[in-house]
Amino acid sequence: MAEIQAPPPLPKSQPSFGRRHSTIIKLVGVGALVLVLLIPLAMITGVLRDRLQRRNDAVADITSAWGREQNLIGPVLGIPYQYKFKAVKEMPAPDGKMERREVEETATATAYFLPEMLHMSGDVQTQMLHRGIYNAAVFRAQVTLSGKFMPPDFDALKVGMKDVQWKDAFVTIAVNDLRGTRDAIVLDWDGTAAARFASSRLHDGRNRVARQR
């Protein structure tokens, strides 16, 4: 009797391309979706940037006539004084040649003194101004400063009283933006009132600031 042989095994089926690269296909799809969503995001960002620029222009237009942020410095008492220093200069010698000599010269500087007591009071009123659809908050303020200066002490600066120029003493009150001042700044010094304009001479390289104790 002839022996019956089993049929050969069927070849295994290969997985499809989608199954073999499913992870890569998903990543590509997510990346494409992100790129598509970036288009409206870029459009919205451009609109927001344009609106912000228009808003800044409207606020700048309002503040150009009203006045910008204000900083008040002072009052500070300034008193000029003279001091001597040594310098080396070229001077003609008896034989006609130039030689370097050490000479003593006199210059003028200013000492600044802060008040021993300072009191500030103010009445501030806010207001909202409009430019189209944009708003800007502004304010009006009536500020009063009152204080007391002690007699200046030049011993700490090692300045002799004979070198102090009392007649040229002044009081400094600095305001960074004068467009915001509607009325003249009035100084009442020991009962004597006089209109003053804000200025600052606090940046002289030789100037010194002292605090009375």
C-alpha atoms as a PDB file:
ATOM      1  CA  MET A   1       0.000   0.000   0.000  1.00  0.00           C
ATOM      2  CA  ALA A   2       1.478   3.317  -1.008  1.00  0.00           C
ATOM      3  CA  GLU A   3       2.427   5.755   1.839  1.00  0.00           C
ATOM      4  CA  ILE A   4       0.396   8.992   1.820  1.00  0.00           C
ATOM      5  CA  GLN A   5       2.561  12.177   2.193  1.00  0.00           C
ATOM      6  CA  ALA A   6       1.323  15.358   3.901  1.00  0.00           C
ATOM      7  CA  PRO A   7       0.964  18.453   1.671  1.00  0.00           C
ATOM      8  CA  PRO A   8       3.726  21.097   1.964  1.00  0.00           C
ATOM      9  CA  PRO A   9       3.008  23.954   4.426  1.00  0.00           C
ATOM     10  CA  LEU A  10       1.512  27.096   2.980  1.00  0.00           C
ATOM     11  CA  PRO A  11       3.819  30.180   2.942  1.00  0.00           C
ATOM     12  CA  LYS A  12       3.159  32.706   5.710  1.00  0.00           C
ATOM     13  CA  SER A  13       1.456  35.886   4.513  1.00  0.00           C
ATOM     14  CA  GLN A  14       3.580  39.090   4.772  1.00  0.00           C
ATOM     15  CA  PRO A  15       2.130  42.038   6.827  1.00  0.00           C
ATOM     16  CA  SER A  16       0.887  44.999   4.832  1.00  0.00           C
ATOM     17  CA  PHE A  17       2.884  48.243   4.393  1.00  0.00           C
ATOM     18  CA  GLY A  18       0.536  50.103   6.715  1.00  0.00           C
ATOM     19  CA  ARG A  19       1.030  47.641   9.527  1.00  0.00           C
ATOM     20  CA  ARG A  20       4.808  47.591   9.112  1.00  0.00           C
ATOM     21  CA  HIS A  21       5.121  51.440   9.162  1.00  0.00           C
ATOM     22  CA  SER A  22       2.100  52.425  11.237  1.00  0.00           C
ATOM     23  CA  THR A  23       4.176  54.435  13.766  1.00  0.00           C
ATOM     24  CA  ILE A  24       5.894  56.481  11.066  1.00  0.00           C
ATOM     25  CA  ILE A  25       2.591  57.169   9.320  1.00  0.00           C
ATOM     26  CA  LYS A  26       1.051  58.422  12.579  1.00  0.00           C
ATOM     27  CA  LEU A  27       4.014  60.741  13.236  1.00  0.00           C
ATOM     28  CA  VAL A  28       3.813  62.162   9.713  1.00  0.00           C
ATOM     29  CA  GLY A  29       0.088  62.758  10.134  1.00  0.00           C
ATOM     30  CA  VAL A  30       0.573  64.574  13.441  1.00  0.00           C
ATOM     31  CA  GLY A  31       3.330  66.743  11.931  1.00  0.00           C
ATOM     32  CA  ALA A  32       1.116  67.665   8.965  1.00  0.00           C
ATOM     33  CA  LEU A  33      -1.738  68.563  11.333  1.00  0.00           C
ATOM     34  CA  VAL A  34       0.585  70.806  13.366  1.00  0.00           C
ATOM     35  CA  LEU A  35       1.750  72.588  10.208  1.00  0.00           C
ATOM     36  CA  VAL A  36      -1.843  73.167   9.126  1.00  0.00           C
ATOM     37  CA  LEU A  37      -2.757  74.623  12.536  1.00  0.00           C
ATOM     38  CA  LEU A  38       0.239  76.986  12.420  1.00  0.00           C
ATOM     39  CA  ILE A  39      -1.317  78.883   9.506  1.00  0.00           C
ATOM     40  CA  PRO A  40      -4.307  80.363  11.425  1.00  0.00           C
ATOM     41  CA  LEU A  41      -2.054  80.857  14.467  1.00  0.00           C
ATOM     42  CA  ALA A  42       0.310  82.998  12.388  1.00  0.00           C
ATOM     43  CA  MET A  43      -2.625  85.002  11.060  1.00  0.00           C
ATOM     44  CA  ILE A  44      -3.969  85.641  14.584  1.00  0.00           C
ATOM     45  CA  THR A  45      -0.496  86.632  15.822  1.00  0.00           C
ATOM     46  CA  GLY A  46      -0.184  89.177  13.011  1.00  0.00           C
ATOM     47  CA  VAL A  47      -3.562  90.706  13.880  1.00  0.00           C
ATOM     48  CA  LEU A  48      -2.662  90.928  17.568  1.00  0.00           C
ATOM     49  CA  ARG A  49       0.679  92.549  16.747  1.00  0.00           C
ATOM     50  CA  ASP A  50      -1.050  95.117  14.546  1.00  0.00           C
ATOM     51  CA  ARG A  51      -3.649  95.900  17.229  1.00  0.00           C
ATOM     52  CA  LEU A  52      -0.949  96.282  19.875  1.00  0.00           C
ATOM     53  CA  GLN A  53       1.013  98.678  17.671  1.00  0.00           C
ATOM     54  CA  ARG A  54      -2.081 100.778  17.041  1.00  0.00           C
ATOM     55  CA  ARG A  55      -2.841 100.836  20.748  1.00  0.00           C
ATOM     56  CA  ASN A  56       0.712 101.988  21.556  1.00  0.00           C
ATOM     57  CA  ASP A  57       0.460 104.703  18.894  1.00  0.00           C
ATOM     58  CA  ALA A  58      -2.845 105.926  20.343  1.00  0.00           C
ATOM     59  CA  VAL A  59      -1.399 106.074  23.889  1.00  0.00           C
ATOM     60  CA  ALA A  60       1.715 107.863  22.615  1.00  0.00           C
ATOM     61  CA  ASP A  61      -0.484 110.397  20.800  1.00  0.00           C
ATOM     62  CA  ILE A  62      -2.415 111.096  23.994  1.00  0.00           C
ATOM     63  CA  THR A  63       0.625 111.363  26.236  1.00  0.00           C
ATOM     64  CA  SER A  64       2.510 113.562  23.736  1.00  0.00           C
ATOM     65  CA  ALA A  65       0.152 116.419  24.585  1.00  0.00           C
ATOM     66  CA  TRP A  66      -0.738 115.441  28.140  1.00  0.00           C
ATOM     67  CA  GLY A  67       2.668 114.455  29.487  1.00  0.00           C
ATOM     68  CA  ARG A  68       4.444 111.204  30.176  1.00  0.00           C
ATOM     69  CA  GLU A  69       5.243 109.452  33.449  1.00  0.00           C
ATOM     70  CA  GLN A  70       6.440 111.991  35.989  1.00  0.00           C
ATOM     71  CA  ASN A  71       9.345 111.691  38.403  1.00  0.00           C
ATOM     72  CA  LEU A  72       9.884 114.402  40.990  1.00  0.00           C
ATOM     73  CA  ILE A  73      13.338 114.856  42.519  1.00  0.00           C
ATOM     74  CA  GLY A  74      13.994 117.223  45.366  1.00  0.00           C
ATOM     75  CA  PRO A  75      14.008 119.610  46.918  1.00  0.00           C
ATOM     76  CA  VAL A  76      17.797 119.638  47.231  1.00  0.00           C
ATOM     77  CA  LEU A  77      19.860 122.541  48.558  1.00  0.00           C
ATOM     78  CA  GLY A  78      22.931 123.261  46.441  1.00  0.00           C
ATOM     79  CA  ILE A  79      25.786 125.437  47.687  1.00  0.00           C
ATOM     80  CA  PRO A  80      28.839 126.149  45.489  1.00  0.00           C
ATOM     81  CA  TYR A  81      32.288 126.120  47.050  1.00  0.00           C
ATOM     82  CA  GLN A  82      35.865 126.545  45.896  1.00  0.00           C
ATOM     83  CA  TYR A  83      38.594 123.982  46.301  1.00  0.00           C
ATOM     84  CA  LYS A  84      42.252 123.801  45.382  1.00  0.00           C
ATOM     85  CA  PHE A  85      44.011 121.000  43.566  1.00  0.00           C
ATOM     86  CA  LYS A  86      47.436 120.339  42.121  1.00  0.00           C
ATOM     87  CA  ALA A  87      48.027 119.873  38.406  1.00  0.00           C
ATOM     88  CA  VAL A  88      51.087 119.323  36.232  1.00  0.00           C
ATOM     89  CA  LYS A  89      51.510 121.823  33.389  1.00  0.00           C
ATOM     90  CA  GLU A  90      54.179 122.694  30.871  1.00  0.00           C
ATOM     91  CA  MET A  91      55.637 126.158  31.536  1.00  0.00           C
ATOM     92  CA  PRO A  92      58.531 128.067  29.951  1.00  0.00           C
ATOM     93  CA  ALA A  93      61.798 127.846  31.879  1.00  0.00           C
ATOM     94  CA  PRO A  94      64.319 130.748  32.195  1.00  0.00           C
ATOM     95  CA  ASP A  95      66.386 129.231  29.383  1.00  0.00           C
ATOM     96  CA  GLY A  96      63.374 129.311  27.055  1.00  0.00           C
ATOM     97  CA  LYS A  97      62.680 125.583  27.146  1.00  0.00           C
ATOM     98  CA  MET A  98      59.405 124.069  28.273  1.00  0.00           C
ATOM     99  CA  GLU A  99      59.379 122.153  31.494  1.00  0.00           C
ATOM    100  CA  ARG A 100      56.714 120.390  33.495  1.00  0.00           C
ATOM    101  CA  ARG A 101      55.810 121.950  36.817  1.00  0.00           C
ATOM    102  CA  GLU A 102      53.292 121.170  39.514  1.00  0.00           C
ATOM    103  CA  VAL A 103      50.984 124.130  40.101  1.00  0.00           C
ATOM    104  CA  GLU A 104      48.067 124.725  42.432  1.00  0.00           C
ATOM    105  CA  GLU A 105      44.764 125.737  40.859  1.00  0.00           C
ATOM    106  CA  THR A 106      41.341 126.715  42.138  1.00  0.00           C
ATOM    107  CA  ALA A 107      38.045 125.321  40.876  1.00  0.00           C
ATOM    108  CA  THR A 108      34.396 125.484  41.868  1.00  0.00           C
ATOM    109  CA  ALA A 109      32.123 122.575  42.767  1.00  0.00           C
ATOM    110  CA  THR A 110      28.712 122.250  44.369  1.00  0.00           C
ATOM    111  CA  ALA A 111      27.713 120.456  47.565  1.00  0.00           C
ATOM    112  CA  TYR A 112      24.139 119.184  47.760  1.00  0.00           C
ATOM    113  CA  PHE A 113      22.224 118.795  51.011  1.00  0.00           C
ATOM    114  CA  LEU A 114      19.029 116.841  51.495  1.00  0.00           C
ATOM    115  CA  PRO A 115      16.314 118.145  53.807  1.00  0.00           C
ATOM    116  CA  GLU A 116      16.302 116.941  57.394  1.00  0.00           C
ATOM    117  CA  MET A 117      12.515 116.691  57.248  1.00  0.00           C
ATOM    118  CA  LEU A 118      10.322 116.306  54.167  1.00  0.00           C
ATOM    119  CA  HIS A 119       6.549 115.999  53.963  1.00  0.00           C
ATOM    120  CA  MET A 120       4.641 115.354  50.745  1.00  0.00           C
ATOM    121  CA  SER A 121       0.911 115.712  50.192  1.00  0.00           C
ATOM    122  CA  GLY A 122      -1.080 115.533  46.969  1.00  0.00           C
ATOM    123  CA  ASP A 123      -4.543 115.453  45.472  1.00  0.00           C
ATOM    124  CA  VAL A 124      -4.677 113.102  42.472  1.00  0.00           C
ATOM    125  CA  GLN A 125      -7.586 112.862  40.022  1.00  0.00           C
ATOM    126  CA  THR A 126      -7.620 110.283  37.229  1.00  0.00           C
ATOM    127  CA  GLN A 127      -9.274 110.590  33.836  1.00  0.00           C
ATOM    128  CA  MET A 128      -9.775 108.231  30.892  1.00  0.00           C
ATOM    129  CA  LEU A 129      -9.056 109.614  27.415  1.00  0.00           C
ATOM    130  CA  HIS A 130     -10.030 107.920  24.149  1.00  0.00           C
ATOM    131  CA  ARG A 131      -8.526 107.559  20.693  1.00  0.00           C
ATOM    132  CA  GLY A 132     -10.893 105.470  18.602  1.00  0.00           C
ATOM    133  CA  ILE A 133     -11.391 102.152  20.382  1.00  0.00           C
ATOM    134  CA  TYR A 134      -8.302 102.640  22.543  1.00  0.00           C
ATOM    135  CA  ASN A 135      -8.197 104.173  26.023  1.00  0.00           C
ATOM    136  CA  ALA A 136      -5.411 105.735  28.062  1.00  0.00           C
ATOM    137  CA  ALA A 137      -5.559 106.646  31.735  1.00  0.00           C
ATOM    138  CA  VAL A 138      -4.108 110.042  32.694  1.00  0.00           C
ATOM    139  CA  PHE A 139      -4.081 111.965  35.936  1.00  0.00           C
ATOM    140  CA  ARG A 140      -3.921 115.436  37.390  1.00  0.00           C
ATOM    141  CA  ALA A 141      -2.115 115.977  40.661  1.00  0.00           C
ATOM    142  CA  GLN A 142      -1.642 118.952  42.950  1.00  0.00           C
ATOM    143  CA  VAL A 143       1.498 118.119  44.909  1.00  0.00           C
ATOM    144  CA  THR A 144       2.842 120.089  47.837  1.00  0.00           C
ATOM    145  CA  LEU A 145       6.294 119.504  49.327  1.00  0.00           C
ATOM    146  CA  SER A 146       7.295 120.972  52.644  1.00  0.00           C
ATOM    147  CA  GLY A 147      10.494 120.416  54.526  1.00  0.00           C
ATOM    148  CA  LYS A 148      13.258 121.807  56.669  1.00  0.00           C
ATOM    149  CA  PHE A 149      16.966 122.124  55.938  1.00  0.00           C
ATOM    150  CA  MET A 150      19.453 122.091  58.775  1.00  0.00           C
ATOM    151  CA  PRO A 151      22.453 124.468  58.618  1.00  0.00           C
ATOM    152  CA  PRO A 152      24.883 122.906  56.116  1.00  0.00           C
ATOM    153  CA  ASP A 153      27.892 121.179  57.657  1.00  0.00           C
ATOM    154  CA  PHE A 154      30.941 121.387  55.402  1.00  0.00           C
ATOM    155  CA  ASP A 155      33.270 119.743  57.915  1.00  0.00           C
ATOM    156  CA  ALA A 156      32.352 116.303  56.556  1.00  0.00           C
ATOM    157  CA  LEU A 157      33.463 117.484  53.090  1.00  0.00           C
ATOM    158  CA  LYS A 158      36.642 119.063  54.481  1.00  0.00           C
ATOM    159  CA  VAL A 159      35.690 122.439  53.035  1.00  0.00           C
ATOM    160  CA  GLY A 160      36.571 125.649  54.864  1.00  0.00           C
ATOM    161  CA  MET A 161      33.794 128.160  55.508  1.00  0.00           C
ATOM    162  CA  LYS A 162      35.792 130.869  53.714  1.00  0.00           C
ATOM    163  CA  ASP A 163      35.582 128.813  50.514  1.00  0.00           C
ATOM    164  CA  VAL A 164      31.781 128.500  50.591  1.00  0.00           C
ATOM    165  CA  GLN A 165      29.910 130.775  48.165  1.00  0.00           C
ATOM    166  CA  TRP A 166      26.742 131.359  50.162  1.00  0.00           C
ATOM    167  CA  LYS A 167      25.419 134.029  47.817  1.00  0.00           C
ATOM    168  CA  ASP A 168      25.164 131.511  44.975  1.00  0.00           C
ATOM    169  CA  ALA A 169      23.182 128.901  46.930  1.00  0.00           C
ATOM    170  CA  PHE A 170      20.068 127.505  45.225  1.00  0.00           C
ATOM    171  CA  VAL A 171      17.303 124.940  45.647  1.00  0.00           C
ATOM    172  CA  THR A 172      16.862 122.287  42.966  1.00  0.00           C
ATOM    173  CA  ILE A 173      13.568 120.597  42.125  1.00  0.00           C
ATOM    174  CA  ALA A 174      13.725 118.329  39.062  1.00  0.00           C
ATOM    175  CA  VAL A 175      10.766 117.165  36.964  1.00  0.00           C
ATOM    176  CA  ASN A 176      11.505 114.789  34.094  1.00  0.00           C
ATOM    177  CA  ASP A 177       8.710 115.981  31.749  1.00  0.00           C
ATOM    178  CA  LEU A 178       7.749 119.658  31.954  1.00  0.00           C
ATOM    179  CA  ARG A 179       4.933 119.208  29.425  1.00  0.00           C
ATOM    180  CA  GLY A 180       2.898 117.716  32.234  1.00  0.00           C
ATOM    181  CA  THR A 181       3.128 120.847  34.401  1.00  0.00           C
ATOM    182  CA  ARG A 182       0.160 123.158  33.887  1.00  0.00           C
ATOM    183  CA  ASP A 183       1.250 125.840  36.359  1.00  0.00           C
ATOM    184  CA  ALA A 184       4.636 127.232  37.334  1.00  0.00           C
ATOM    185  CA  ILE A 185       6.384 125.561  40.238  1.00  0.00           C
ATOM    186  CA  VAL A 186       6.282 127.954  43.187  1.00  0.00           C
ATOM    187  CA  LEU A 187       8.958 127.921  45.873  1.00  0.00           C
ATOM    188  CA  ASP A 188       8.071 129.341  49.291  1.00  0.00           C
ATOM    189  CA  TRP A 189      11.373 129.848  51.082  1.00  0.00           C
ATOM    190  CA  ASP A 190      10.869 131.023  54.642  1.00  0.00           C
ATOM    191  CA  GLY A 191       7.744 132.979  53.715  1.00  0.00           C
ATOM    192  CA  THR A 192       9.056 134.392  50.426  1.00  0.00           C
ATOM    193  CA  ALA A 193       7.270 132.917  47.393  1.00  0.00           C
ATOM    194  CA  ALA A 194       8.762 132.923  43.906  1.00  0.00           C
ATOM    195  CA  ALA A 195       7.963 131.025  40.693  1.00  0.00           C
ATOM    196  CA  ARG A 196      10.610 128.524  39.683  1.00  0.00           C
ATOM    197  CA  PHE A 197      11.194 126.204  36.759  1.00  0.00           C
ATOM    198  CA  ALA A 198      12.306 122.627  37.360  1.00  0.00           C
ATOM    199  CA  SER A 199      15.900 121.891  36.500  1.00  0.00           C
ATOM    200  CA  SER A 200      18.678 119.654  37.649  1.00  0.00           C
ATOM    201  CA  ARG A 201      22.379 120.188  38.154  1.00  0.00           C
ATOM    202  CA  LEU A 202      22.937 116.962  40.034  1.00  0.00           C
ATOM    203  CA  HIS A 203      25.277 115.326  37.513  1.00  0.00           C
ATOM    204  CA  ASP A 204      28.436 117.404  37.891  1.00  0.00           C
ATOM    205  CA  GLY A 205      31.352 115.029  38.287  1.00  0.00           C
ATOM    206  CA  ARG A 206      32.802 117.044  41.182  1.00  0.00           C
ATOM    207  CA  ASN A 207      29.496 117.606  42.967  1.00  0.00           C
ATOM    208  CA  ARG A 208      28.932 116.010  46.327  1.00  0.00           C
ATOM    209  CA  VAL A 209      25.764 115.109  48.168  1.00  0.00           C
ATOM    210  CA  ALA A 210      25.642 115.287  51.950  1.00  0.00           C
ATOM    211  CA  ARG A 211      22.884 114.317  54.365  1.00  0.00           C
ATOM    212  CA  GLN A 212      22.531 116.479  57.437  1.00  0.00           C
ATOM    213  CA  ARG A 213      22.374 114.484  60.669  1.00  0.00           C
END
